Amino acid sequence: MYKKQLEQAFCLKLSRELAIFRYEILKKEKDAIYEAAYQIDSIISIYELLAEMSGRLSTETLEAAVMIPDILTFFTGSG
């Protein structure tokens, strides 16, 4: 049961981070959004990959991943 709760917490964390990222990007001018296209694509790809992998991660990995601040930007190196 604990692992399922961790999976849910991790996926919720990912969703929140993606929503915040999207909000921040959409506040920018069109040119800035266009310039950030690669970053946007990377963030979305990482989000999808981590969400898909969440069910296969160990309890220990999920515990650590939930604690990483801004995990989506952490993996892109832009955070």
N, C-alpha and C. Protein backbone atom coordinates (compact mmCIF):
# COMPACT_ATOMS: atom_id res chain seq x y z
N MET A 1 0.82 -1.20 0.00
CA MET A 1 0.00 0.00 0.00
C MET A 1 0.86 1.26 0.00
N TYR A 2 1.92 1.27 0.77
CA TYR A 2 2.80 2.44 0.88
C TYR A 2 3.41 2.80 -0.47
N LYS A 3 3.80 1.79 -1.25
CA LYS A 3 4.39 2.04 -2.56
C LYS A 3 3.38 2.72 -3.48
N LYS A 4 2.13 2.28 -3.45
CA LYS A 4 1.09 2.89 -4.29
C LYS A 4 0.92 4.37 -3.91
N GLN A 5 0.95 4.66 -2.63
CA GLN A 5 0.82 6.05 -2.18
C GLN A 5 2.01 6.89 -2.66
N LEU A 6 3.20 6.30 -2.63
CA LEU A 6 4.38 6.99 -3.14
C LEU A 6 4.26 7.25 -4.63
N GLU A 7 3.78 6.25 -5.38
CA GLU A 7 3.58 6.42 -6.82
C GLU A 7 2.62 7.58 -7.09
N GLN A 8 1.53 7.61 -6.34
CA GLN A 8 0.55 8.68 -6.52
C GLN A 8 1.15 10.04 -6.16
N ALA A 9 1.90 10.09 -5.07
CA ALA A 9 2.53 11.34 -4.65
C ALA A 9 3.54 11.81 -5.70
N PHE A 10 4.29 10.87 -6.25
CA PHE A 10 5.28 11.20 -7.27
C PHE A 10 4.60 11.74 -8.53
N CYS A 11 3.56 11.06 -8.97
CA CYS A 11 2.84 11.51 -10.17
C CYS A 11 2.16 12.86 -9.94
N LEU A 12 1.65 13.07 -8.76
CA LEU A 12 1.05 14.37 -8.42
C LEU A 12 2.11 15.46 -8.43
N LYS A 13 3.26 15.17 -7.89
CA LYS A 13 4.38 16.11 -7.89
C LYS A 13 4.76 16.46 -9.32
N LEU A 14 4.88 15.46 -10.19
CA LEU A 14 5.22 15.70 -11.59
C LEU A 14 4.17 16.58 -12.27
N SER A 15 2.90 16.27 -12.01
CA SER A 15 1.81 17.04 -12.63
C SER A 15 1.84 18.49 -12.18
N ARG A 16 2.07 18.71 -10.89
CA ARG A 16 2.14 20.08 -10.37
C ARG A 16 3.30 20.84 -10.98
N GLU A 17 4.45 20.19 -11.05
CA GLU A 17 5.62 20.85 -11.62
C GLU A 17 5.39 21.20 -13.09
N LEU A 18 4.76 20.29 -13.84
CA LEU A 18 4.48 20.56 -15.25
C LEU A 18 3.50 21.72 -15.39
N ALA A 19 2.49 21.75 -14.54
CA ALA A 19 1.51 22.84 -14.57
C ALA A 19 2.17 24.18 -14.27
N ILE A 20 3.05 24.22 -13.29
CA ILE A 20 3.77 25.45 -12.95
C ILE A 20 4.67 25.87 -14.10
N PHE A 21 5.39 24.91 -14.67
CA PHE A 21 6.26 25.22 -15.80
C PHE A 21 5.45 25.79 -16.96
N ARG A 22 4.34 25.16 -17.26
CA ARG A 22 3.50 25.62 -18.36
C ARG A 22 2.99 27.04 -18.07
N TYR A 23 2.53 27.29 -16.87
CA TYR A 23 2.05 28.62 -16.49
C TYR A 23 3.14 29.67 -16.70
N GLU A 24 4.36 29.35 -16.23
CA GLU A 24 5.47 30.30 -16.35
C GLU A 24 5.84 30.54 -17.82
N ILE A 25 5.84 29.51 -18.62
CA ILE A 25 6.18 29.65 -20.04
C ILE A 25 5.13 30.50 -20.75
N LEU A 26 3.86 30.24 -20.46
CA LEU A 26 2.80 30.96 -21.16
C LEU A 26 2.71 32.44 -20.78
N LYS A 27 3.39 32.85 -19.72
CA LYS A 27 3.44 34.26 -19.35
C LYS A 27 4.43 35.03 -20.23
N LYS A 28 5.27 34.30 -20.96
CA LYS A 28 6.31 34.93 -21.75
C LYS A 28 5.78 35.41 -23.11
N GLU A 29 6.56 36.24 -23.74
CA GLU A 29 6.25 36.72 -25.09
C GLU A 29 6.40 35.56 -26.07
N LYS A 30 5.75 35.69 -27.21
CA LYS A 30 5.77 34.61 -28.22
C LYS A 30 7.19 34.23 -28.64
N ASP A 31 8.04 35.21 -28.83
CA ASP A 31 9.42 34.92 -29.24
C ASP A 31 10.16 34.11 -28.19
N ALA A 32 9.94 34.45 -26.92
CA ALA A 32 10.60 33.73 -25.83
C ALA A 32 10.08 32.30 -25.75
N ILE A 33 8.80 32.12 -26.00
CA ILE A 33 8.23 30.76 -26.00
C ILE A 33 8.85 29.95 -27.14
N TYR A 34 8.96 30.56 -28.31
CA TYR A 34 9.57 29.89 -29.45
C TYR A 34 11.02 29.52 -29.15
N GLU A 35 11.76 30.42 -28.53
CA GLU A 35 13.15 30.15 -28.17
C GLU A 35 13.26 29.02 -27.14
N ALA A 36 12.23 28.82 -26.35
CA ALA A 36 12.24 27.78 -25.32
C ALA A 36 11.65 26.46 -25.81
N ALA A 37 11.43 26.34 -27.12
CA ALA A 37 10.77 25.14 -27.67
C ALA A 37 11.49 23.85 -27.28
N TYR A 38 12.81 23.84 -27.36
CA TYR A 38 13.55 22.62 -27.01
C TYR A 38 13.38 22.29 -25.53
N GLN A 39 13.44 23.30 -24.68
CA GLN A 39 13.26 23.09 -23.25
C GLN A 39 11.85 22.57 -22.96
N ILE A 40 10.86 23.16 -23.62
CA ILE A 40 9.47 22.74 -23.42
C ILE A 40 9.31 21.28 -23.82
N ASP A 41 9.84 20.92 -24.98
CA ASP A 41 9.75 19.54 -25.45
C ASP A 41 10.47 18.59 -24.49
N SER A 42 11.62 19.00 -24.00
CA SER A 42 12.38 18.17 -23.06
C SER A 42 11.62 17.94 -21.76
N ILE A 43 11.05 19.00 -21.22
CA ILE A 43 10.30 18.91 -19.96
C ILE A 43 9.11 17.96 -20.13
N ILE A 44 8.39 18.09 -21.23
CA ILE A 44 7.23 17.23 -21.47
C ILE A 44 7.66 15.78 -21.64
N SER A 45 8.75 15.55 -22.36
CA SER A 45 9.25 14.18 -22.56
C SER A 45 9.68 13.55 -21.24
N ILE A 46 10.37 14.32 -20.42
CA ILE A 46 10.81 13.82 -19.11
C ILE A 46 9.60 13.53 -18.22
N TYR A 47 8.62 14.42 -18.25
CA TYR A 47 7.39 14.20 -17.49
C TYR A 47 6.75 12.88 -17.90
N GLU A 48 6.56 12.67 -19.19
CA GLU A 48 5.92 11.45 -19.68
C GLU A 48 6.71 10.21 -19.30
N LEU A 49 8.02 10.28 -19.45
CA LEU A 49 8.88 9.14 -19.12
C LEU A 49 8.81 8.80 -17.64
N LEU A 50 8.94 9.81 -16.78
CA LEU A 50 8.90 9.56 -15.33
C LEU A 50 7.52 9.07 -14.88
N ALA A 51 6.47 9.63 -15.44
CA ALA A 51 5.13 9.18 -15.07
C ALA A 51 4.93 7.73 -15.47
N GLU A 52 5.41 7.37 -16.65
CA GLU A 52 5.30 5.99 -17.13
C GLU A 52 6.13 5.03 -16.28
N MET A 53 7.30 5.48 -15.86
CA MET A 53 8.21 4.64 -15.08
C MET A 53 7.81 4.50 -13.62
N SER A 54 6.95 5.37 -13.13
CA SER A 54 6.66 5.42 -11.70
C SER A 54 6.23 4.07 -11.12
N GLY A 55 5.51 3.29 -11.88
CA GLY A 55 5.06 1.99 -11.40
C GLY A 55 6.16 0.95 -11.31
N ARG A 56 7.27 1.21 -11.97
CA ARG A 56 8.39 0.25 -11.97
C ARG A 56 9.53 0.65 -11.04
N LEU A 57 9.42 1.83 -10.45
CA LEU A 57 10.47 2.29 -9.55
C LEU A 57 10.34 1.64 -8.18
N SER A 58 11.46 1.42 -7.54
CA SER A 58 11.44 0.83 -6.21
C SER A 58 10.92 1.85 -5.20
N THR A 59 10.53 1.36 -4.04
CA THR A 59 10.06 2.23 -2.97
C THR A 59 11.13 3.25 -2.60
N GLU A 60 12.38 2.79 -2.51
CA GLU A 60 13.48 3.67 -2.13
C GLU A 60 13.68 4.77 -3.18
N THR A 61 13.59 4.41 -4.45
CA THR A 61 13.76 5.39 -5.51
C THR A 61 12.62 6.41 -5.50
N LEU A 62 11.40 5.94 -5.29
CA LEU A 62 10.25 6.84 -5.21
C LEU A 62 10.38 7.80 -4.04
N GLU A 63 10.84 7.28 -2.90
CA GLU A 63 11.02 8.15 -1.73
C GLU A 63 12.02 9.25 -2.04
N ALA A 64 13.10 8.91 -2.72
CA ALA A 64 14.12 9.90 -3.06
C ALA A 64 13.59 10.87 -4.12
N ALA A 65 12.90 10.35 -5.12
CA ALA A 65 12.41 11.19 -6.22
C ALA A 65 11.38 12.21 -5.75
N VAL A 66 10.56 11.83 -4.79
CA VAL A 66 9.55 12.76 -4.26
C VAL A 66 10.23 13.93 -3.56
N MET A 67 11.44 13.73 -3.06
CA MET A 67 12.14 14.76 -2.32
C MET A 67 12.97 15.69 -3.20
N ILE A 68 13.18 15.35 -4.46
CA ILE A 68 13.99 16.18 -5.36
C ILE A 68 13.18 17.40 -5.76
N PRO A 69 13.67 18.59 -5.41
CA PRO A 69 12.92 19.79 -5.81
C PRO A 69 13.04 20.02 -7.31
N ASP A 70 11.95 20.41 -7.93
CA ASP A 70 11.93 20.72 -9.37
C ASP A 70 12.57 19.63 -10.21
N ILE A 71 12.09 18.42 -10.03
CA ILE A 71 12.71 17.26 -10.67
C ILE A 71 12.69 17.35 -12.21
N LEU A 72 11.66 17.95 -12.77
CA LEU A 72 11.60 18.03 -14.23
C LEU A 72 12.71 18.93 -14.78
N THR A 73 12.92 20.07 -14.17
CA THR A 73 13.99 20.94 -14.63
C THR A 73 15.36 20.43 -14.18
N PHE A 74 15.40 19.68 -13.10
CA PHE A 74 16.64 19.07 -12.63
C PHE A 74 17.23 18.18 -13.73
N PHE A 75 16.39 17.38 -14.36
CA PHE A 75 16.87 16.46 -15.39
C PHE A 75 17.19 17.16 -16.71
N THR A 76 16.70 18.35 -16.93
CA THR A 76 17.04 19.07 -18.16
C THR A 76 18.26 19.95 -17.96
N GLY A 77 18.65 20.13 -16.70
CA GLY A 77 19.79 20.99 -16.42
C GLY A 77 19.45 22.47 -16.47
N SER A 78 18.16 22.78 -16.54
CA SER A 78 17.78 24.20 -16.64
C SER A 78 17.18 24.72 -15.34
N GLY A 79 17.27 23.93 -14.28
CA GLY A 79 16.64 24.32 -13.03
C GLY A 79 17.49 24.98 -12.05
